[in-house]
């Protein structure tokens, strides 16, 4: 069963601790979808984390990234290197754990506490603190969007009310 087969998607948030051998348990609902082998890739930046893909989805994602890098002036070799940097296949062991290479863990700043976050057609593994910071930022952005939508709705209401009042005035005063 795979996401691409419309059998389900990666949803939910799960917390696990990294053990001393750089192993993490894969949440059971994710393991059911992903199977025994999948691709992990460090996603660097302010909100660094690890992206986890089906092999096919990884190849689609990388192809699109390479195309974008080439459009922005990189050579095909450099574009391919950038898109594939810090990625590898991992295999789920008999106990439901994966061993993530140190370099990928370092780039994602995962040292102990981690969060698995379902993202529909893939999932992510985050450092717990960075995940909380990211969610706080998302909540702030959602509040801004909500406030902007409320202000827009208020303008529409005032405009519609003014138009309705003008219609009433024209209906009763001009007769």
Protein backbone atom coordinates (compact mmCIF):
# COMPACT_ATOMS: atom_id res chain seq x y z
CA UNK A 1 0.00 0.00 0.00
CA UNK A 2 1.39 3.38 -1.03
CA UNK A 3 0.21 6.96 -0.91
CA UNK A 4 0.34 7.10 -4.68
CA UNK A 5 -2.14 4.21 -4.82
CA UNK A 6 -4.71 6.33 -2.90
CA UNK A 7 -4.50 3.93 0.02
CA UNK A 8 -3.76 6.63 2.56
CA UNK A 9 -1.50 9.50 3.36
CA UNK A 10 1.00 10.50 5.98
CA UNK A 11 -0.91 12.37 8.67
CA UNK A 12 -0.31 13.07 12.32
CA UNK A 13 2.54 14.05 14.59
CA UNK A 14 4.62 11.59 16.61
CA UNK A 15 7.46 12.17 19.08
CA UNK A 16 10.44 9.81 19.43
CA UNK A 17 13.91 10.02 20.92
CA UNK A 18 17.04 9.28 18.94
CA UNK A 19 19.02 6.47 20.54
CA UNK A 20 22.80 6.32 20.98
CA UNK A 21 23.20 4.54 17.61
CA UNK A 22 21.34 7.26 15.66
CA UNK A 23 18.19 5.15 15.37
CA UNK A 24 14.59 6.33 15.47
CA UNK A 25 11.39 4.33 15.57
CA UNK A 26 9.18 4.93 12.54
CA UNK A 27 5.57 5.55 13.62
CA UNK A 28 3.48 2.47 12.82
CA UNK A 29 1.02 4.34 10.53
CA UNK A 30 3.96 5.71 8.52
CA UNK A 31 5.68 2.32 8.34
CA UNK A 32 2.51 0.76 6.94
CA UNK A 33 2.61 3.26 4.06
CA UNK A 34 6.34 3.59 3.43
CA UNK A 35 7.34 -0.07 3.62
CA UNK A 36 10.89 -1.08 4.49
CA UNK A 37 13.03 1.29 2.42
CA UNK A 38 12.68 5.00 1.69
CA UNK A 39 14.78 8.08 0.99
CA UNK A 40 15.75 10.63 3.64
CA UNK A 41 17.24 14.03 2.86
CA UNK A 42 18.39 16.84 5.12
CA UNK A 43 16.55 20.08 4.40
CA UNK A 44 18.90 22.84 5.61
CA UNK A 45 17.96 26.36 6.58
CA UNK A 46 16.41 28.18 9.51
CA UNK A 47 13.77 25.47 9.88
CA UNK A 48 16.02 22.52 9.04
CA UNK A 49 14.54 19.03 9.13
CA UNK A 50 14.66 15.69 7.31
CA UNK A 51 12.31 15.00 4.39
CA UNK A 52 11.29 11.35 3.95
CA UNK A 53 10.05 10.15 0.56
CA UNK A 54 8.98 7.12 -1.41
CA UNK A 55 11.73 6.53 -3.97
CA UNK A 56 9.40 7.57 -6.83
CA UNK A 57 8.33 10.77 -5.05
CA UNK A 58 11.95 11.62 -4.27
CA UNK A 59 12.87 11.30 -7.95
CA UNK A 60 9.92 13.53 -8.97
CA UNK A 61 10.89 16.14 -6.38
CA UNK A 62 14.56 16.09 -7.36
CA UNK A 63 13.74 16.36 -11.08
CA UNK A 64 11.64 19.47 -10.43
CA UNK A 65 14.35 21.01 -8.23
CA UNK A 66 17.06 20.31 -10.83
CA UNK A 67 14.94 21.93 -13.51
CA UNK A 68 14.49 25.02 -11.34
CA UNK A 69 18.20 25.24 -10.53
CA UNK A 70 19.10 24.97 -14.24
CA UNK A 71 16.58 27.72 -15.10
CA UNK A 72 18.36 29.87 -12.53
CA UNK A 73 21.73 29.35 -14.21
CA UNK A 74 23.34 26.33 -12.59
CA UNK A 75 24.98 23.67 -14.70
CA UNK A 76 23.11 20.33 -14.82
CA UNK A 77 25.83 18.65 -12.72
CA UNK A 78 25.77 21.35 -10.04
CA UNK A 79 21.96 21.33 -10.04
CA UNK A 80 21.87 17.54 -9.58
CA UNK A 81 24.45 17.74 -6.78
CA UNK A 82 22.48 20.43 -4.96
CA UNK A 83 19.20 18.52 -5.23
CA UNK A 84 20.68 15.24 -4.06
CA UNK A 85 23.07 16.51 -1.37
CA UNK A 86 22.70 14.86 2.00
CA UNK A 87 20.21 12.20 0.89
CA UNK A 88 20.32 8.44 1.25
CA UNK A 89 18.11 5.37 1.33
CA UNK A 90 17.32 3.96 4.77
CA UNK A 91 15.86 0.60 5.69
CA UNK A 92 13.50 -0.12 8.56
CA UNK A 93 14.95 -2.86 10.78
CA UNK A 94 13.01 -5.74 12.35
CA UNK A 95 12.21 -3.55 15.39
CA UNK A 96 10.70 -0.72 13.30
CA UNK A 97 13.71 1.60 13.54
CA UNK A 98 15.78 3.45 10.97
CA UNK A 99 19.42 4.42 11.33
CA UNK A 100 20.03 7.93 10.00
CA UNK A 101 23.56 8.94 9.00
CA UNK A 102 25.24 11.43 11.34
CA UNK A 103 25.71 14.06 8.62
CA UNK A 104 21.96 14.16 7.93
CA UNK A 105 21.14 14.34 11.64
CA UNK A 106 23.66 17.17 12.10
CA UNK A 107 22.21 19.21 9.23
CA UNK A 108 18.73 18.80 10.70
CA UNK A 109 20.00 19.57 14.24
CA UNK A 110 18.50 16.34 15.58
CA UNK A 111 20.36 15.22 18.69
CA UNK A 112 17.76 13.55 20.90
CA UNK A 113 14.08 14.59 20.82
CA UNK A 114 12.46 14.41 17.40
CA UNK A 115 9.05 14.91 15.86
CA UNK A 116 7.66 13.00 12.88
CA UNK A 117 5.21 15.20 10.96
CA UNK A 118 2.91 13.75 8.29
CA UNK A 119 2.76 15.84 5.12
CA UNK A 120 0.39 13.87 2.90
CA UNK A 121 2.65 12.34 0.25
CA UNK A 122 5.77 12.40 2.47
CA UNK A 123 6.74 12.93 6.09
CA UNK A 124 9.31 15.01 7.90
CA UNK A 125 11.52 14.43 10.94
CA UNK A 126 12.28 17.53 13.01
CA UNK A 127 14.32 18.53 16.00
CA UNK A 128 11.57 19.01 18.59
CA UNK A 129 12.54 22.62 19.47
CA UNK A 130 12.83 23.71 15.82
CA UNK A 131 9.46 22.07 15.09
CA UNK A 132 7.86 24.05 17.93
CA UNK A 133 9.43 27.28 16.65
CA UNK A 134 8.19 26.53 13.13
CA UNK A 135 4.66 25.84 14.38
CA UNK A 136 4.71 29.09 16.35
CA UNK A 137 5.67 30.95 13.15
CA UNK A 138 2.87 29.18 11.25
CA UNK A 139 0.37 30.17 13.94
CA UNK A 140 1.47 33.82 13.70
CA UNK A 141 1.08 33.73 9.91
CA UNK A 142 -2.35 32.12 10.24
CA UNK A 143 -3.39 34.88 12.67
CA UNK A 144 -2.23 37.55 10.19
CA UNK A 145 -4.17 35.89 7.37
CA UNK A 146 -7.26 35.61 9.55
CA UNK A 147 -7.05 39.28 10.56
CA UNK A 148 -6.58 40.35 6.93
CA UNK A 149 -9.58 38.24 5.87
CA UNK A 150 -11.71 39.72 8.65
CA UNK A 151 -10.73 43.25 7.58
CA UNK A 152 -11.62 42.42 3.96
CA UNK A 153 -14.95 40.95 5.06
CA UNK A 154 -15.66 44.10 7.09
CA UNK A 155 -14.99 46.28 4.01
CA UNK A 156 -17.34 44.13 1.92
CA UNK A 157 -20.01 44.33 4.59
CA UNK A 158 -19.71 48.12 4.81
CA UNK A 159 -19.80 48.44 1.02
CA UNK A 160 -22.82 46.16 0.74
CA UNK A 161 -24.57 47.96 3.62
CA UNK A 162 -23.95 51.36 2.01
CA UNK A 163 -25.32 50.05 -1.29
CA UNK A 164 -28.35 48.55 0.40
CA UNK A 165 -29.06 51.82 2.25
CA UNK A 166 -28.74 53.75 -1.03
CA UNK A 167 -31.17 51.34 -2.68
CA UNK A 168 -33.63 51.82 0.20
CA UNK A 169 -33.32 55.59 -0.03
CA UNK A 170 -33.88 55.54 -3.79
CA UNK A 171 -36.85 53.22 -3.39
CA UNK A 172 -38.70 55.30 -0.79
CA UNK A 173 -37.51 58.87 -1.34
CA UNK A 174 -37.73 59.03 -5.12
CA UNK A 175 -41.36 57.84 -5.33
